[in-house]
Structure formats: structure tokens, C-alpha cells
């Protein structure tokens, strides 16, 4: 009889996805980043997040990112796998918000210049 204990618990989606990427020659990963958050005065409790992105090369030069997110807090732990479609959506939304913020800042800056009486000039880029 063996001293090793047999686990009847099946691996969850997080473990299966991680195992499916680990060791593949067409896949690379970023170093896992640990983020500890502490609310003001500690009200609400601290949380710890571990984020790691894996990139898989696809045919045609495209790549797919898979994000592994682990959240630990007073209520327990949650482990999520964000597939490439979700990761792409997050990136698109972030880019769209950045563009909107830049447009707003540009409009505000132009309005301030006009209020000061400055005329618009179009300058050549320095080479």
C-alpha cells in the first residue's frame, strides 16, 4: 500500500487552462505580479491580486493573450481565467477611453488658447 494520498478533486478551469499553456513552445508568459490593496484606514479589508498574462502565437502572426487573475481577501479566494476575447475587449475599451480623454484634453486646451486670443498655428514637425 502506498503512502501517497489520492485526491478525488478534479482540477478546475484555472488549473486546466494553466496546464494547457505551460511548456508549449509557442507560448511565453509575463512574470506574475502581486498587487496588495489596502483601503483607507483599513475599512473593508485588504485584498491581494496576482495577475499573469500568457501569450500564444497563432498562425498569421497574430497572438492570443490569456490572463490569469487570482484574488484573495477576507471573503476567500477567487481564481479567474480571462480568455483572449475578454483580454482583447479590455484592451480595446482602455484604448477607446484613452482616445476620448485625449480628445477632451485637446478641445479644452484649444478653447483655453482661443480664450487668451491665440490664433491656431500649424507647425511643421522637427526632423
C-alpha atoms as a PDB file:
ATOM      1  CA  UNK A   1       0.000   0.000   0.000  1.00  0.00           C
ATOM      2  CA  UNK A   2       1.281   3.444  -0.947  1.00  0.00           C
ATOM      3  CA  UNK A   3       1.681   6.389   1.450  1.00  0.00           C
ATOM      4  CA  UNK A   4       0.599   8.873  -1.239  1.00  0.00           C
ATOM      5  CA  UNK A   5      -2.896  10.204  -0.862  1.00  0.00           C
ATOM      6  CA  UNK A   6      -5.112  10.165  -3.900  1.00  0.00           C
ATOM      7  CA  UNK A   7      -7.128  13.308  -4.455  1.00  0.00           C
ATOM      8  CA  UNK A   8     -10.662  12.910  -5.723  1.00  0.00           C
ATOM      9  CA  UNK A   9     -10.819  16.632  -6.512  1.00  0.00           C
ATOM     10  CA  UNK A  10     -10.680  17.350 -10.221  1.00  0.00           C
ATOM     11  CA  UNK A  11      -8.634  20.318 -11.430  1.00  0.00           C
ATOM     12  CA  UNK A  12     -10.737  23.417 -12.007  1.00  0.00           C
ATOM     13  CA  UNK A  13     -10.838  25.547 -15.179  1.00  0.00           C
ATOM     14  CA  UNK A  14      -7.978  27.720 -13.883  1.00  0.00           C
ATOM     15  CA  UNK A  15      -5.640  24.752 -13.385  1.00  0.00           C
ATOM     16  CA  UNK A  16      -6.640  23.129 -16.688  1.00  0.00           C
ATOM     17  CA  UNK A  17      -6.038  26.343 -18.663  1.00  0.00           C
ATOM     18  CA  UNK A  18      -2.707  26.959 -16.949  1.00  0.00           C
ATOM     19  CA  UNK A  19      -1.598  23.381 -17.573  1.00  0.00           C
ATOM     20  CA  UNK A  20      -2.659  23.665 -21.217  1.00  0.00           C
ATOM     21  CA  UNK A  21      -0.306  26.617 -21.759  1.00  0.00           C
ATOM     22  CA  UNK A  22       2.621  25.577 -19.590  1.00  0.00           C
ATOM     23  CA  UNK A  23       5.565  24.171 -21.507  1.00  0.00           C
ATOM     24  CA  UNK A  24       4.244  24.891 -25.014  1.00  0.00           C
ATOM     25  CA  UNK A  25       6.996  26.131 -27.347  1.00  0.00           C
ATOM     26  CA  UNK A  26       4.712  28.732 -28.970  1.00  0.00           C
ATOM     27  CA  UNK A  27       3.808  30.315 -25.635  1.00  0.00           C
ATOM     28  CA  UNK A  28       5.507  32.858 -23.413  1.00  0.00           C
ATOM     29  CA  UNK A  29       4.478  34.345 -20.103  1.00  0.00           C
ATOM     30  CA  UNK A  30       4.994  37.522 -18.143  1.00  0.00           C
ATOM     31  CA  UNK A  31       6.248  37.399 -14.599  1.00  0.00           C
ATOM     32  CA  UNK A  32       3.346  37.147 -12.153  1.00  0.00           C
ATOM     33  CA  UNK A  33       2.638  40.490 -10.480  1.00  0.00           C
ATOM     34  CA  UNK A  34       1.330  40.687  -6.925  1.00  0.00           C
ATOM     35  CA  UNK A  35      -0.770  43.728  -6.026  1.00  0.00           C
ATOM     36  CA  UNK A  36      -1.746  44.349  -2.408  1.00  0.00           C
ATOM     37  CA  UNK A  37      -4.517  46.884  -1.863  1.00  0.00           C
ATOM     38  CA  UNK A  38      -5.292  48.494   1.446  1.00  0.00           C
ATOM     39  CA  UNK A  39      -8.347  50.751   1.687  1.00  0.00           C
ATOM     40  CA  UNK A  40      -8.180  53.985   3.667  1.00  0.00           C
ATOM     41  CA  UNK A  41      -7.975  53.185   7.384  1.00  0.00           C
ATOM     42  CA  UNK A  42      -8.237  49.507   6.502  1.00  0.00           C
ATOM     43  CA  UNK A  43     -12.021  49.720   6.274  1.00  0.00           C
ATOM     44  CA  UNK A  44     -13.245  46.929   4.059  1.00  0.00           C
ATOM     45  CA  UNK A  45     -10.113  44.840   4.467  1.00  0.00           C
ATOM     46  CA  UNK A  46      -7.095  44.393   2.273  1.00  0.00           C
ATOM     47  CA  UNK A  47      -7.021  42.355  -0.898  1.00  0.00           C
ATOM     48  CA  UNK A  48      -4.236  40.649  -2.773  1.00  0.00           C
ATOM     49  CA  UNK A  49      -4.313  40.194  -6.535  1.00  0.00           C
ATOM     50  CA  UNK A  50      -1.967  38.048  -8.586  1.00  0.00           C
ATOM     51  CA  UNK A  51      -2.014  38.786 -12.315  1.00  0.00           C
ATOM     52  CA  UNK A  52      -0.157  36.859 -15.013  1.00  0.00           C
ATOM     53  CA  UNK A  53      -0.501  37.086 -18.772  1.00  0.00           C
ATOM     54  CA  UNK A  54       0.392  34.303 -21.179  1.00  0.00           C
ATOM     55  CA  UNK A  55       0.756  34.901 -24.924  1.00  0.00           C
ATOM     56  CA  UNK A  56       0.307  32.184 -27.525  1.00  0.00           C
ATOM     57  CA  UNK A  57       1.487  32.694 -31.095  1.00  0.00           C
ATOM     58  CA  UNK A  58      -1.138  31.984 -33.727  1.00  0.00           C
ATOM     59  CA  UNK A  59      -0.805  31.392 -37.439  1.00  0.00           C
ATOM     60  CA  UNK A  60      -0.707  34.568 -39.494  1.00  0.00           C
ATOM     61  CA  UNK A  61       1.384  36.454 -36.943  1.00  0.00           C
ATOM     62  CA  UNK A  62      -1.465  37.166 -34.525  1.00  0.00           C
ATOM     63  CA  UNK A  63      -1.188  36.268 -30.903  1.00  0.00           C
ATOM     64  CA  UNK A  64      -3.712  35.480 -28.215  1.00  0.00           C
ATOM     65  CA  UNK A  65      -3.369  36.631 -24.619  1.00  0.00           C
ATOM     66  CA  UNK A  66      -4.791  34.696 -21.698  1.00  0.00           C
ATOM     67  CA  UNK A  67      -4.873  36.432 -18.325  1.00  0.00           C
ATOM     68  CA  UNK A  68      -4.835  34.520 -15.061  1.00  0.00           C
ATOM     69  CA  UNK A  69      -6.245  36.521 -12.153  1.00  0.00           C
ATOM     70  CA  UNK A  70      -6.239  35.400  -8.536  1.00  0.00           C
ATOM     71  CA  UNK A  71      -7.997  37.494  -5.867  1.00  0.00           C
ATOM     72  CA  UNK A  72      -7.534  36.851  -2.153  1.00  0.00           C
ATOM     73  CA  UNK A  73      -9.425  38.684   0.577  1.00  0.00           C
ATOM     74  CA  UNK A  74     -11.358  38.258   3.776  1.00  0.00           C
ATOM     75  CA  UNK A  75     -14.177  36.515   1.897  1.00  0.00           C
ATOM     76  CA  UNK A  76     -11.870  33.871   0.458  1.00  0.00           C
ATOM     77  CA  UNK A  77     -10.169  33.331  -2.875  1.00  0.00           C
ATOM     78  CA  UNK A  78     -11.320  33.633  -6.475  1.00  0.00           C
ATOM     79  CA  UNK A  79      -9.309  32.429  -9.467  1.00  0.00           C
ATOM     80  CA  UNK A  80     -10.320  33.518 -12.958  1.00  0.00           C
ATOM     81  CA  UNK A  81      -9.075  32.808 -16.452  1.00  0.00           C
ATOM     82  CA  UNK A  82      -9.738  35.677 -18.855  1.00  0.00           C
ATOM     83  CA  UNK A  83      -9.559  34.248 -22.364  1.00  0.00           C
ATOM     84  CA  UNK A  84      -8.218  36.133 -25.379  1.00  0.00           C
ATOM     85  CA  UNK A  85     -11.605  37.573 -26.323  1.00  0.00           C
ATOM     86  CA  UNK A  86     -12.023  39.110 -22.859  1.00  0.00           C
ATOM     87  CA  UNK A  87      -8.397  40.352 -22.805  1.00  0.00           C
ATOM     88  CA  UNK A  88      -8.880  41.955 -26.249  1.00  0.00           C
ATOM     89  CA  UNK A  89     -12.105  43.613 -25.105  1.00  0.00           C
ATOM     90  CA  UNK A  90     -10.402  45.081 -22.036  1.00  0.00           C
ATOM     91  CA  UNK A  91      -7.556  46.407 -24.210  1.00  0.00           C
ATOM     92  CA  UNK A  92      -9.996  47.928 -26.750  1.00  0.00           C
ATOM     93  CA  UNK A  93     -12.036  49.621 -24.030  1.00  0.00           C
ATOM     94  CA  UNK A  94      -8.897  51.027 -22.397  1.00  0.00           C
ATOM     95  CA  UNK A  95      -7.661  52.365 -25.745  1.00  0.00           C
ATOM     96  CA  UNK A  96     -11.076  53.909 -26.505  1.00  0.00           C
ATOM     97  CA  UNK A  97     -11.182  55.673 -23.127  1.00  0.00           C
ATOM     98  CA  UNK A  98      -7.621  56.939 -23.588  1.00  0.00           C
ATOM     99  CA  UNK A  99      -8.548  58.351 -27.007  1.00  0.00           C
ATOM    100  CA  UNK A 100     -11.658  60.039 -25.626  1.00  0.00           C
ATOM    101  CA  UNK A 101      -9.673  61.575 -22.754  1.00  0.00           C
ATOM    102  CA  UNK A 102      -7.051  62.931 -25.197  1.00  0.00           C
ATOM    103  CA  UNK A 103      -9.734  64.437 -27.429  1.00  0.00           C
ATOM    104  CA  UNK A 104     -11.349  66.111 -24.405  1.00  0.00           C
ATOM    105  CA  UNK A 105      -7.981  67.470 -23.234  1.00  0.00           C
ATOM    106  CA  UNK A 106      -7.213  68.759 -26.741  1.00  0.00           C
ATOM    107  CA  UNK A 107     -10.563  70.524 -27.008  1.00  0.00           C
ATOM    108  CA  UNK A 108     -10.118  72.094 -23.574  1.00  0.00           C
ATOM    109  CA  UNK A 109      -6.594  73.249 -24.442  1.00  0.00           C
ATOM    110  CA  UNK A 110      -7.767  74.738 -27.760  1.00  0.00           C
ATOM    111  CA  UNK A 111     -10.636  76.555 -26.012  1.00  0.00           C
ATOM    112  CA  UNK A 112      -8.225  77.992 -23.427  1.00  0.00           C
ATOM    113  CA  UNK A 113      -5.875  79.217 -26.180  1.00  0.00           C
ATOM    114  CA  UNK A 114      -8.764  80.793 -28.060  1.00  0.00           C
ATOM    115  CA  UNK A 115      -9.950  82.498 -24.846  1.00  0.00           C
ATOM    116  CA  UNK A 116      -6.457  84.006 -24.475  1.00  0.00           C
ATOM    117  CA  UNK A 117      -6.690  85.287 -28.039  1.00  0.00           C
ATOM    118  CA  UNK A 118      -4.091  82.941 -29.519  1.00  0.00           C
ATOM    119  CA  UNK A 119      -4.612  82.049 -33.116  1.00  0.00           C
ATOM    120  CA  UNK A 120      -4.192  78.443 -34.248  1.00  0.00           C
ATOM    121  CA  UNK A 121      -0.889  77.727 -35.942  1.00  0.00           C
ATOM    122  CA  UNK A 122       0.134  74.686 -37.831  1.00  0.00           C
ATOM    123  CA  UNK A 123       3.776  73.916 -37.242  1.00  0.00           C
ATOM    124  CA  UNK A 124       5.955  71.518 -39.127  1.00  0.00           C
ATOM    125  CA  UNK A 125       7.370  68.660 -37.164  1.00  0.00           C
ATOM    126  CA  UNK A 126      11.077  68.929 -36.384  1.00  0.00           C
ATOM    127  CA  UNK A 127      13.190  66.470 -38.288  1.00  0.00           C
END
